[in-house]
Amino acid sequence: MTNDLKNPHVKPVPKGHRWILFVSGPTASGKSSVAKYLADELNLKFVEGDGFHPKSNVDKMSRGEPLTDEDRFGWLQALHEHAIHHPKGPGTDHLVVTCSALKRQYRDLLRQGSENAGDLRVHFLHLDAPEEVLTQRATARKGHFAGPALVHSQFEALERPGKDEEDVFTVSVDQTVDEVQKEALRRVTELLDEDPE
């Protein structure tokens, strides 16, 4: 896979295996905008994780009701199945996927199935910020089913990645969008430098 000409210093995604980057974090952390930016800069396929929520989950979140583990496991499984079984082809071998992945057990679920896929490597980019910052962002945005009422419940459920989760790197989103995107791209590029062909 070749680089976009506008990004001559970005290393191509390694060939010989499939590669998935889950962009994680609570609601209003900017997962979609960061993931779309990375997908565009690195010529990767973008997958919006919210699109795999069943209607019952969307309805609950629209009412400001937090999802249970049971609610989330069905969604995580559907998203994960899509990610590991997506068709191979030019521009589709490697994915950037949005997924809150709030808890360690959720990330482990995504890891486990990926390990079973053999040629698939998984990494997480966790977007982090203080609760009050994301509450302000959720209040300001329009047209999204997940409103500010969900921010607090997601922080109650949040288990920030531990130091032993070596496939996770964290970027603070308590800065400008441009700064977040550039730092995320830098960190992903460093990750690719360390990822053998």
N, C-alpha and C. Protein backbone atom coordinates (compact mmCIF):
# COMPACT_ATOMS: atom_id res chain seq x y z
N MET A 1 0.85 -1.19 0.00
CA MET A 1 0.00 0.00 0.00
C MET A 1 0.88 1.23 0.00
N THR A 2 0.61 2.16 -0.90
CA THR A 2 1.44 3.34 -1.01
C THR A 2 0.84 4.49 -0.24
N ASN A 3 1.68 5.46 0.06
CA ASN A 3 1.22 6.64 0.77
C ASN A 3 0.51 7.59 -0.15
N ASP A 4 -0.34 8.40 0.38
CA ASP A 4 -0.91 9.53 -0.32
C ASP A 4 0.24 10.51 -0.59
N LEU A 5 0.27 11.10 -1.79
CA LEU A 5 1.37 11.99 -2.14
C LEU A 5 1.45 13.21 -1.24
N LYS A 6 0.32 13.57 -0.63
CA LYS A 6 0.36 14.75 0.23
C LYS A 6 1.01 14.45 1.58
N ASN A 7 1.33 13.18 1.82
CA ASN A 7 1.94 12.79 3.09
C ASN A 7 3.19 11.94 2.81
N PRO A 8 4.21 12.50 2.18
CA PRO A 8 5.36 11.70 1.76
C PRO A 8 6.17 11.13 2.91
N HIS A 9 5.99 11.64 4.13
CA HIS A 9 6.81 11.17 5.24
C HIS A 9 6.10 10.12 6.08
N VAL A 10 4.88 9.77 5.71
CA VAL A 10 4.14 8.75 6.45
C VAL A 10 4.50 7.38 5.90
N LYS A 11 4.95 6.52 6.77
CA LYS A 11 5.36 5.18 6.35
C LYS A 11 4.14 4.37 5.92
N PRO A 12 4.25 3.59 4.82
CA PRO A 12 3.13 2.74 4.42
C PRO A 12 2.78 1.74 5.51
N VAL A 13 1.51 1.38 5.60
CA VAL A 13 1.10 0.36 6.55
C VAL A 13 1.76 -0.95 6.17
N PRO A 14 2.33 -1.69 7.12
CA PRO A 14 3.03 -2.93 6.80
C PRO A 14 2.18 -3.90 6.00
N LYS A 15 2.83 -4.57 5.05
CA LYS A 15 2.15 -5.57 4.24
C LYS A 15 2.39 -6.94 4.85
N GLY A 16 1.61 -7.92 4.40
CA GLY A 16 1.80 -9.29 4.87
C GLY A 16 0.88 -9.67 5.99
N HIS A 17 0.22 -8.70 6.60
CA HIS A 17 -0.78 -8.99 7.62
C HIS A 17 -1.79 -7.85 7.64
N ARG A 18 -2.97 -8.15 8.13
CA ARG A 18 -4.00 -7.12 8.27
C ARG A 18 -3.80 -6.38 9.59
N TRP A 19 -4.31 -5.18 9.63
CA TRP A 19 -4.00 -4.27 10.73
C TRP A 19 -5.26 -3.49 11.07
N ILE A 20 -5.66 -3.48 12.35
CA ILE A 20 -6.83 -2.73 12.78
C ILE A 20 -6.44 -1.79 13.91
N LEU A 21 -6.82 -0.53 13.78
CA LEU A 21 -6.65 0.44 14.85
C LEU A 21 -8.03 0.80 15.36
N PHE A 22 -8.30 0.46 16.62
CA PHE A 22 -9.55 0.87 17.26
C PHE A 22 -9.31 2.22 17.93
N VAL A 23 -10.05 3.24 17.50
CA VAL A 23 -9.98 4.56 18.13
C VAL A 23 -11.03 4.58 19.22
N SER A 24 -10.59 4.63 20.48
CA SER A 24 -11.49 4.44 21.62
C SER A 24 -11.56 5.68 22.49
N GLY A 25 -12.53 5.65 23.41
CA GLY A 25 -12.70 6.76 24.35
C GLY A 25 -14.18 7.03 24.57
N PRO A 26 -14.50 7.83 25.59
CA PRO A 26 -15.90 8.14 25.90
C PRO A 26 -16.56 8.96 24.80
N THR A 27 -17.87 9.10 24.91
CA THR A 27 -18.61 9.92 23.95
C THR A 27 -18.09 11.36 23.98
N ALA A 28 -18.08 11.99 22.82
CA ALA A 28 -17.64 13.38 22.64
C ALA A 28 -16.13 13.55 22.71
N SER A 29 -15.37 12.45 22.71
CA SER A 29 -13.91 12.57 22.73
C SER A 29 -13.33 12.81 21.33
N GLY A 30 -14.17 12.73 20.30
CA GLY A 30 -13.70 13.01 18.95
C GLY A 30 -13.25 11.78 18.18
N LYS A 31 -13.78 10.62 18.54
CA LYS A 31 -13.34 9.37 17.90
C LYS A 31 -13.52 9.40 16.38
N SER A 32 -14.70 9.82 15.94
CA SER A 32 -14.98 9.78 14.50
C SER A 32 -14.09 10.73 13.72
N SER A 33 -13.92 11.95 14.21
CA SER A 33 -13.11 12.92 13.47
C SER A 33 -11.65 12.49 13.42
N VAL A 34 -11.12 11.96 14.52
CA VAL A 34 -9.74 11.50 14.53
C VAL A 34 -9.57 10.28 13.63
N ALA A 35 -10.50 9.34 13.72
CA ALA A 35 -10.41 8.12 12.91
C ALA A 35 -10.50 8.44 11.42
N LYS A 36 -11.41 9.33 11.04
CA LYS A 36 -11.53 9.71 9.63
C LYS A 36 -10.26 10.39 9.15
N TYR A 37 -9.69 11.22 9.98
CA TYR A 37 -8.44 11.90 9.63
C TYR A 37 -7.32 10.89 9.39
N LEU A 38 -7.16 9.94 10.30
CA LEU A 38 -6.11 8.93 10.16
C LEU A 38 -6.34 8.06 8.94
N ALA A 39 -7.59 7.68 8.71
CA ALA A 39 -7.91 6.84 7.55
C ALA A 39 -7.55 7.56 6.26
N ASP A 40 -7.84 8.85 6.20
CA ASP A 40 -7.53 9.63 5.01
C ASP A 40 -6.03 9.80 4.84
N GLU A 41 -5.33 10.12 5.92
CA GLU A 41 -3.90 10.36 5.83
C GLU A 41 -3.11 9.09 5.50
N LEU A 42 -3.59 7.94 5.97
CA LEU A 42 -2.85 6.69 5.79
C LEU A 42 -3.46 5.76 4.75
N ASN A 43 -4.48 6.25 4.06
CA ASN A 43 -5.16 5.45 3.03
C ASN A 43 -5.71 4.15 3.60
N LEU A 44 -6.39 4.24 4.73
CA LEU A 44 -6.99 3.08 5.37
C LEU A 44 -8.51 3.15 5.24
N LYS A 45 -9.17 2.04 5.43
CA LYS A 45 -10.63 2.01 5.39
C LYS A 45 -11.17 2.43 6.76
N PHE A 46 -12.15 3.32 6.77
CA PHE A 46 -12.76 3.82 8.00
C PHE A 46 -14.07 3.08 8.27
N VAL A 47 -14.26 2.64 9.52
CA VAL A 47 -15.49 1.98 9.94
C VAL A 47 -16.04 2.73 11.15
N GLU A 48 -17.27 3.21 11.06
CA GLU A 48 -17.94 3.90 12.17
C GLU A 48 -18.62 2.88 13.07
N GLY A 49 -18.07 2.70 14.26
CA GLY A 49 -18.58 1.68 15.16
C GLY A 49 -20.01 1.90 15.61
N ASP A 50 -20.43 3.16 15.72
CA ASP A 50 -21.80 3.44 16.16
C ASP A 50 -22.83 2.83 15.22
N GLY A 51 -22.45 2.61 13.97
CA GLY A 51 -23.38 2.04 13.00
C GLY A 51 -23.74 0.60 13.28
N PHE A 52 -23.04 -0.04 14.20
CA PHE A 52 -23.31 -1.44 14.52
C PHE A 52 -24.16 -1.61 15.78
N HIS A 53 -24.53 -0.50 16.41
CA HIS A 53 -25.44 -0.58 17.55
C HIS A 53 -26.83 -0.99 17.07
N PRO A 54 -27.48 -1.93 17.75
CA PRO A 54 -28.88 -2.22 17.43
C PRO A 54 -29.75 -1.03 17.81
N LYS A 55 -30.94 -0.97 17.24
CA LYS A 55 -31.84 0.16 17.50
C LYS A 55 -32.13 0.30 18.99
N SER A 56 -32.21 -0.82 19.70
CA SER A 56 -32.50 -0.76 21.14
C SER A 56 -31.42 0.01 21.89
N ASN A 57 -30.16 -0.17 21.49
CA ASN A 57 -29.07 0.58 22.13
C ASN A 57 -29.16 2.07 21.81
N VAL A 58 -29.41 2.37 20.54
CA VAL A 58 -29.51 3.78 20.13
C VAL A 58 -30.66 4.46 20.86
N ASP A 59 -31.78 3.76 20.99
CA ASP A 59 -32.94 4.34 21.69
C ASP A 59 -32.60 4.63 23.15
N LYS A 60 -31.89 3.70 23.80
CA LYS A 60 -31.52 3.92 25.20
C LYS A 60 -30.61 5.14 25.34
N MET A 61 -29.61 5.21 24.50
CA MET A 61 -28.67 6.32 24.60
C MET A 61 -29.33 7.65 24.25
N SER A 62 -30.28 7.61 23.32
CA SER A 62 -31.01 8.83 22.96
C SER A 62 -31.81 9.36 24.13
N ARG A 63 -32.23 8.45 25.01
CA ARG A 63 -32.97 8.85 26.21
C ARG A 63 -32.04 9.21 27.36
N GLY A 64 -30.73 9.12 27.13
CA GLY A 64 -29.76 9.42 28.18
C GLY A 64 -29.52 8.27 29.12
N GLU A 65 -29.95 7.06 28.74
CA GLU A 65 -29.78 5.88 29.60
C GLU A 65 -28.47 5.18 29.25
N PRO A 66 -27.64 4.88 30.23
CA PRO A 66 -26.38 4.18 29.95
C PRO A 66 -26.62 2.75 29.52
N LEU A 67 -25.74 2.25 28.67
CA LEU A 67 -25.82 0.85 28.25
C LEU A 67 -25.24 -0.05 29.32
N THR A 68 -25.78 -1.26 29.41
CA THR A 68 -25.25 -2.28 30.32
C THR A 68 -24.16 -3.07 29.60
N ASP A 69 -23.45 -3.89 30.36
CA ASP A 69 -22.47 -4.77 29.73
C ASP A 69 -23.14 -5.66 28.70
N GLU A 70 -24.33 -6.16 29.01
CA GLU A 70 -25.05 -7.03 28.08
C GLU A 70 -25.36 -6.28 26.79
N ASP A 71 -25.79 -5.02 26.91
CA ASP A 71 -26.05 -4.22 25.72
C ASP A 71 -24.80 -4.09 24.87
N ARG A 72 -23.69 -3.83 25.52
CA ARG A 72 -22.46 -3.55 24.79
C ARG A 72 -21.83 -4.80 24.18
N PHE A 73 -21.97 -5.95 24.83
CA PHE A 73 -21.32 -7.15 24.31
C PHE A 73 -21.87 -7.53 22.95
N GLY A 74 -23.18 -7.41 22.76
CA GLY A 74 -23.75 -7.72 21.45
C GLY A 74 -23.22 -6.79 20.38
N TRP A 75 -23.11 -5.52 20.73
CA TRP A 75 -22.57 -4.53 19.79
C TRP A 75 -21.10 -4.80 19.49
N LEU A 76 -20.31 -5.06 20.54
CA LEU A 76 -18.89 -5.32 20.34
C LEU A 76 -18.67 -6.55 19.46
N GLN A 77 -19.48 -7.57 19.68
CA GLN A 77 -19.34 -8.79 18.89
C GLN A 77 -19.65 -8.53 17.43
N ALA A 78 -20.72 -7.77 17.16
CA ALA A 78 -21.09 -7.46 15.78
C ALA A 78 -20.00 -6.64 15.09
N LEU A 79 -19.48 -5.66 15.81
CA LEU A 79 -18.42 -4.81 15.26
C LEU A 79 -17.16 -5.61 15.01
N HIS A 80 -16.82 -6.45 15.96
CA HIS A 80 -15.61 -7.26 15.84
C HIS A 80 -15.71 -8.24 14.69
N GLU A 81 -16.87 -8.89 14.54
CA GLU A 81 -17.05 -9.84 13.44
C GLU A 81 -16.88 -9.14 12.09
N HIS A 82 -17.43 -7.94 11.99
CA HIS A 82 -17.26 -7.19 10.74
C HIS A 82 -15.79 -6.88 10.49
N ALA A 83 -15.10 -6.47 11.53
CA ALA A 83 -13.71 -6.06 11.37
C ALA A 83 -12.81 -7.21 10.94
N ILE A 84 -12.98 -8.37 11.55
CA ILE A 84 -12.06 -9.47 11.23
C ILE A 84 -12.44 -10.22 9.96
N HIS A 85 -13.69 -10.06 9.52
CA HIS A 85 -14.14 -10.79 8.33
C HIS A 85 -14.37 -9.88 7.13
N HIS A 86 -13.97 -8.62 7.24
CA HIS A 86 -14.18 -7.72 6.10
C HIS A 86 -13.39 -8.23 4.90
N PRO A 87 -13.93 -8.03 3.69
CA PRO A 87 -13.27 -8.53 2.48
C PRO A 87 -11.89 -7.92 2.30
N LYS A 88 -10.96 -8.76 1.87
CA LYS A 88 -9.62 -8.26 1.58
C LYS A 88 -9.60 -7.69 0.16
N GLY A 89 -8.76 -6.71 -0.02
CA GLY A 89 -8.62 -6.12 -1.34
C GLY A 89 -7.89 -4.81 -1.24
N PRO A 90 -7.55 -4.20 -2.38
CA PRO A 90 -6.82 -2.92 -2.36
C PRO A 90 -7.56 -1.87 -1.53
N GLY A 91 -6.86 -1.32 -0.54
CA GLY A 91 -7.46 -0.28 0.28
C GLY A 91 -8.37 -0.77 1.38
N THR A 92 -8.50 -2.10 1.55
CA THR A 92 -9.42 -2.61 2.57
C THR A 92 -8.75 -3.54 3.56
N ASP A 93 -7.48 -3.89 3.35
CA ASP A 93 -6.81 -4.81 4.26
C ASP A 93 -6.71 -4.25 5.67
N HIS A 94 -6.56 -2.96 5.78
CA HIS A 94 -6.30 -2.31 7.07
C HIS A 94 -7.43 -1.35 7.41
N LEU A 95 -7.83 -1.36 8.68
CA LEU A 95 -9.00 -0.59 9.11
C LEU A 95 -8.68 0.37 10.24
N VAL A 96 -9.42 1.47 10.28
CA VAL A 96 -9.48 2.35 11.44
C VAL A 96 -10.94 2.32 11.89
N VAL A 97 -11.17 1.84 13.12
CA VAL A 97 -12.53 1.58 13.60
C VAL A 97 -12.80 2.38 14.87
N THR A 98 -13.92 3.09 14.92
CA THR A 98 -14.30 3.78 16.15
C THR A 98 -15.06 2.83 17.06
N CYS A 99 -14.66 2.82 18.32
CA CYS A 99 -15.29 1.93 19.31
C CYS A 99 -14.91 2.45 20.69
N SER A 100 -15.89 2.76 21.52
CA SER A 100 -15.58 3.35 22.83
C SER A 100 -14.66 2.46 23.66
N ALA A 101 -14.87 1.13 23.63
CA ALA A 101 -13.99 0.19 24.34
C ALA A 101 -13.64 0.70 25.74
N LEU A 102 -14.66 1.04 26.51
CA LEU A 102 -14.46 1.72 27.79
C LEU A 102 -13.77 0.85 28.83
N LYS A 103 -14.02 -0.45 28.81
CA LYS A 103 -13.51 -1.34 29.85
C LYS A 103 -12.45 -2.29 29.31
N ARG A 104 -11.61 -2.76 30.23
CA ARG A 104 -10.57 -3.72 29.86
C ARG A 104 -11.19 -4.97 29.23
N GLN A 105 -12.29 -5.45 29.78
CA GLN A 105 -12.89 -6.67 29.24
C GLN A 105 -13.39 -6.47 27.81
N TYR A 106 -13.81 -5.24 27.47
CA TYR A 106 -14.23 -4.97 26.10
C TYR A 106 -13.02 -5.01 25.16
N ARG A 107 -11.93 -4.44 25.59
CA ARG A 107 -10.72 -4.46 24.75
C ARG A 107 -10.20 -5.88 24.62
N ASP A 108 -10.29 -6.65 25.71
CA ASP A 108 -9.85 -8.04 25.64
C ASP A 108 -10.70 -8.84 24.66
N LEU A 109 -12.00 -8.56 24.62
CA LEU A 109 -12.87 -9.26 23.67
C LEU A 109 -12.42 -8.97 22.24
N LEU A 110 -12.11 -7.72 21.96
CA LEU A 110 -11.66 -7.36 20.62
C LEU A 110 -10.30 -7.97 20.31
N ARG A 111 -9.45 -8.09 21.31
CA ARG A 111 -8.14 -8.70 21.11
C ARG A 111 -8.25 -10.19 20.84
N GLN A 112 -9.06 -10.87 21.63
CA GLN A 112 -9.11 -12.32 21.58
C GLN A 112 -9.50 -12.83 20.20
N GLY A 113 -10.58 -12.30 19.65
CA GLY A 113 -11.01 -12.76 18.34
C GLY A 113 -10.01 -12.42 17.26
N SER A 114 -9.32 -11.30 17.43
CA SER A 114 -8.34 -10.89 16.44
C SER A 114 -7.14 -11.84 16.45
N GLU A 115 -6.74 -12.27 17.64
CA GLU A 115 -5.64 -13.23 17.74
C GLU A 115 -6.00 -14.53 17.04
N ASN A 116 -7.27 -14.92 17.15
CA ASN A 116 -7.71 -16.15 16.51
C ASN A 116 -7.73 -16.04 14.99
N ALA A 117 -7.74 -14.80 14.47
CA ALA A 117 -7.78 -14.60 13.02
C ALA A 117 -6.42 -14.84 12.37
N GLY A 118 -5.37 -14.95 13.17
CA GLY A 118 -4.06 -15.32 12.65
C GLY A 118 -3.23 -14.17 12.13
N ASP A 119 -3.59 -13.62 10.98
CA ASP A 119 -2.76 -12.60 10.34
C ASP A 119 -3.18 -11.19 10.71
N LEU A 120 -3.97 -11.04 11.75
CA LEU A 120 -4.55 -9.75 12.11
C LEU A 120 -3.88 -9.18 13.35
N ARG A 121 -3.43 -7.93 13.28
CA ARG A 121 -2.85 -7.25 14.43
C ARG A 121 -3.75 -6.10 14.84
N VAL A 122 -3.91 -5.94 16.14
CA VAL A 122 -4.83 -4.94 16.68
C VAL A 122 -4.08 -3.96 17.57
N HIS A 123 -4.44 -2.69 17.45
CA HIS A 123 -3.92 -1.65 18.33
C HIS A 123 -5.08 -0.73 18.72
N PHE A 124 -4.91 -0.03 19.82
CA PHE A 124 -5.93 0.91 20.29
C PHE A 124 -5.30 2.30 20.45
N LEU A 125 -6.02 3.30 19.95
CA LEU A 125 -5.68 4.70 20.21
C LEU A 125 -6.77 5.22 21.14
N HIS A 126 -6.41 5.44 22.41
CA HIS A 126 -7.39 5.89 23.40
C HIS A 126 -7.36 7.41 23.50
N LEU A 127 -8.52 8.03 23.29
CA LEU A 127 -8.64 9.49 23.39
C LEU A 127 -9.13 9.84 24.78
N ASP A 128 -8.35 10.66 25.47
CA ASP A 128 -8.63 10.94 26.88
C ASP A 128 -8.77 12.43 27.13
N ALA A 129 -9.66 12.77 28.07
CA ALA A 129 -9.85 14.16 28.49
C ALA A 129 -10.63 14.16 29.79
N PRO A 130 -10.57 15.25 30.57
CA PRO A 130 -11.38 15.34 31.78
C PRO A 130 -12.87 15.28 31.45
N GLU A 131 -13.64 14.77 32.39
CA GLU A 131 -15.08 14.62 32.18
C GLU A 131 -15.74 15.95 31.82
N GLU A 132 -15.35 17.03 32.49
CA GLU A 132 -16.02 18.31 32.24
C GLU A 132 -15.79 18.81 30.82
N VAL A 133 -14.63 18.50 30.25
CA VAL A 133 -14.34 18.91 28.88
C VAL A 133 -15.27 18.20 27.90
N LEU A 134 -15.45 16.89 28.10
CA LEU A 134 -16.31 16.14 27.19
C LEU A 134 -17.78 16.47 27.39
N THR A 135 -18.15 16.82 28.62
CA THR A 135 -19.53 17.25 28.86
C THR A 135 -19.83 18.52 28.09
N GLN A 136 -18.90 19.45 28.09
CA GLN A 136 -19.07 20.69 27.33
C GLN A 136 -19.19 20.41 25.84
N ARG A 137 -18.37 19.50 25.34
CA ARG A 137 -18.42 19.17 23.92
C ARG A 137 -19.73 18.48 23.56
N ALA A 138 -20.17 17.56 24.40
CA ALA A 138 -21.42 16.85 24.13
C ALA A 138 -22.60 17.80 24.15
N THR A 139 -22.54 18.81 25.00
CA THR A 139 -23.61 19.81 25.07
C THR A 139 -23.64 20.67 23.82
N ALA A 140 -22.47 20.97 23.29
CA ALA A 140 -22.37 21.87 22.14
C ALA A 140 -22.71 21.20 20.81
N ARG A 141 -22.47 19.90 20.69
CA ARG A 141 -22.69 19.27 19.39
C ARG A 141 -24.18 19.02 19.15
N LYS A 142 -24.54 19.01 17.88
CA LYS A 142 -25.94 18.86 17.50
C LYS A 142 -26.13 17.59 16.66
N GLY A 143 -27.29 16.96 16.83
CA GLY A 143 -27.66 15.86 15.96
C GLY A 143 -27.09 14.51 16.30
N HIS A 144 -26.42 14.37 17.43
CA HIS A 144 -25.86 13.07 17.81
C HIS A 144 -26.74 12.45 18.89
N PHE A 145 -26.99 11.14 18.76
CA PHE A 145 -27.91 10.49 19.71
C PHE A 145 -27.35 10.43 21.13
N ALA A 146 -26.03 10.48 21.27
CA ALA A 146 -25.42 10.40 22.60
C ALA A 146 -25.21 11.81 23.14
N GLY A 147 -26.08 12.24 24.04
CA GLY A 147 -26.01 13.59 24.57
C GLY A 147 -25.15 13.69 25.82
N PRO A 148 -25.11 14.88 26.42
CA PRO A 148 -24.25 15.12 27.59
C PRO A 148 -24.60 14.25 28.79
N ALA A 149 -25.85 13.78 28.89
CA ALA A 149 -26.24 12.95 30.03
C ALA A 149 -25.46 11.65 30.08
N LEU A 150 -24.96 11.21 28.92
CA LEU A 150 -24.23 9.94 28.88
C LEU A 150 -22.77 10.07 29.32
N VAL A 151 -22.25 11.27 29.29
CA VAL A 151 -20.82 11.43 29.58
C VAL A 151 -20.48 10.93 30.98
N HIS A 152 -21.27 11.34 31.97
CA HIS A 152 -20.97 10.95 33.35
C HIS A 152 -21.02 9.43 33.52
N SER A 153 -22.05 8.80 32.97
CA SER A 153 -22.17 7.34 33.13
C SER A 153 -21.02 6.62 32.42
N GLN A 154 -20.55 7.17 31.31
CA GLN A 154 -19.43 6.54 30.62
C GLN A 154 -18.14 6.69 31.42
N PHE A 155 -17.98 7.81 32.10
CA PHE A 155 -16.80 7.96 32.95
C PHE A 155 -16.88 7.04 34.17
N GLU A 156 -18.08 6.76 34.64
CA GLU A 156 -18.23 5.81 35.74
C GLU A 156 -17.82 4.41 35.30
N ALA A 157 -18.09 4.08 34.04
CA ALA A 157 -17.75 2.76 33.51
C ALA A 157 -16.31 2.69 33.01
N LEU A 158 -15.71 3.84 32.73
CA LEU A 158 -14.40 3.89 32.09
C LEU A 158 -13.29 3.25 32.92
N GLU A 159 -12.54 2.37 32.28
CA GLU A 159 -11.32 1.80 32.84
C GLU A 159 -10.19 2.21 31.90
N ARG A 160 -9.48 3.25 32.27
CA ARG A 160 -8.40 3.72 31.40
C ARG A 160 -7.38 2.61 31.19
N PRO A 161 -6.80 2.52 30.00
CA PRO A 161 -5.85 1.45 29.71
C PRO A 161 -4.70 1.41 30.70
N GLY A 162 -4.34 0.20 31.13
CA GLY A 162 -3.24 0.02 32.06
C GLY A 162 -1.91 -0.05 31.35
N LYS A 163 -0.83 0.08 32.12
CA LYS A 163 0.51 0.05 31.53
C LYS A 163 0.82 -1.30 30.89
N ASP A 164 0.12 -2.35 31.35
CA ASP A 164 0.36 -3.67 30.79
C ASP A 164 -0.33 -3.86 29.44
N GLU A 165 -1.17 -2.93 29.04
CA GLU A 165 -1.83 -3.02 27.74
C GLU A 165 -0.92 -2.35 26.71
N GLU A 166 0.04 -3.12 26.24
CA GLU A 166 1.09 -2.56 25.40
C GLU A 166 0.61 -2.23 23.99
N ASP A 167 -0.59 -2.69 23.63
CA ASP A 167 -1.11 -2.38 22.31
C ASP A 167 -1.99 -1.12 22.31
N VAL A 168 -1.94 -0.36 23.42
CA VAL A 168 -2.74 0.86 23.54
C VAL A 168 -1.81 2.07 23.70
N PHE A 169 -2.12 3.13 23.00
CA PHE A 169 -1.45 4.40 23.29
C PHE A 169 -2.53 5.47 23.43
N THR A 170 -2.25 6.44 24.29
CA THR A 170 -3.24 7.45 24.68
C THR A 170 -2.85 8.82 24.16
N VAL A 171 -3.84 9.54 23.68
CA VAL A 171 -3.66 10.92 23.24
C VAL A 171 -4.68 11.78 23.98
N SER A 172 -4.22 12.87 24.58
CA SER A 172 -5.13 13.80 25.24
C SER A 172 -5.88 14.62 24.20
N VAL A 173 -7.19 14.73 24.37
CA VAL A 173 -7.98 15.54 23.44
C VAL A 173 -8.35 16.88 24.07
N ASP A 174 -7.71 17.21 25.19
CA ASP A 174 -7.92 18.51 25.82
C ASP A 174 -6.98 19.52 25.17
N GLN A 175 -7.09 19.63 23.86
CA GLN A 175 -6.29 20.54 23.04
C GLN A 175 -7.06 20.76 21.74
N THR A 176 -6.53 21.54 20.82
CA THR A 176 -7.27 21.82 19.59
C THR A 176 -7.40 20.57 18.74
N VAL A 177 -8.40 20.57 17.85
CA VAL A 177 -8.62 19.43 16.96
C VAL A 177 -7.38 19.17 16.12
N ASP A 178 -6.78 20.23 15.60
CA ASP A 178 -5.59 20.07 14.77
C ASP A 178 -4.45 19.44 15.57
N GLU A 179 -4.27 19.87 16.81
CA GLU A 179 -3.21 19.31 17.64
C GLU A 179 -3.46 17.83 17.94
N VAL A 180 -4.72 17.49 18.20
CA VAL A 180 -5.07 16.09 18.47
C VAL A 180 -4.79 15.24 17.24
N GLN A 181 -5.22 15.70 16.08
CA GLN A 181 -5.03 14.93 14.86
C GLN A 181 -3.56 14.74 14.54
N LYS A 182 -2.78 15.79 14.68
CA LYS A 182 -1.35 15.69 14.36
C LYS A 182 -0.64 14.77 15.35
N GLU A 183 -0.99 14.86 16.64
CA GLU A 183 -0.36 13.97 17.61
C GLU A 183 -0.75 12.52 17.36
N ALA A 184 -2.03 12.30 17.04
CA ALA A 184 -2.48 10.94 16.75
C ALA A 184 -1.74 10.37 15.54
N LEU A 185 -1.58 11.18 14.49
CA LEU A 185 -0.87 10.72 13.30
C LEU A 185 0.58 10.40 13.64
N ARG A 186 1.20 11.25 14.45
CA ARG A 186 2.59 11.00 14.84
C ARG A 186 2.71 9.70 15.60
N ARG A 187 1.80 9.47 16.55
CA ARG A 187 1.87 8.26 17.35
C ARG A 187 1.62 7.01 16.50
N VAL A 188 0.68 7.09 15.57
CA VAL A 188 0.41 5.94 14.71
C VAL A 188 1.60 5.69 13.79
N THR A 189 2.21 6.74 13.29
CA THR A 189 3.39 6.58 12.44
C THR A 189 4.53 5.92 13.21
N GLU A 190 4.73 6.31 14.46
CA GLU A 190 5.74 5.67 15.30
C GLU A 190 5.41 4.19 15.50
N LEU A 191 4.13 3.90 15.67
CA LEU A 191 3.69 2.52 15.83
C LEU A 191 4.03 1.70 14.60
N LEU A 192 3.80 2.27 13.42
CA LEU A 192 4.09 1.56 12.18
C LEU A 192 5.59 1.34 12.02
N ASP A 193 6.39 2.28 12.50
CA ASP A 193 7.84 2.12 12.43
C ASP A 193 8.30 0.91 13.23
N GLU A 194 7.56 0.59 14.30
CA GLU A 194 7.92 -0.52 15.17
C GLU A 194 7.25 -1.82 14.75
N ASP A 195 6.33 -1.75 13.79
CA ASP A 195 5.54 -2.92 13.39
C ASP A 195 6.24 -3.62 12.25
N PRO A 196 6.76 -4.84 12.45
CA PRO A 196 7.51 -5.52 11.40
C PRO A 196 6.64 -5.86 10.21
N GLU A 197 7.27 -5.93 9.05
CA GLU A 197 6.56 -6.29 7.82
C GLU A 197 6.06 -7.72 7.90
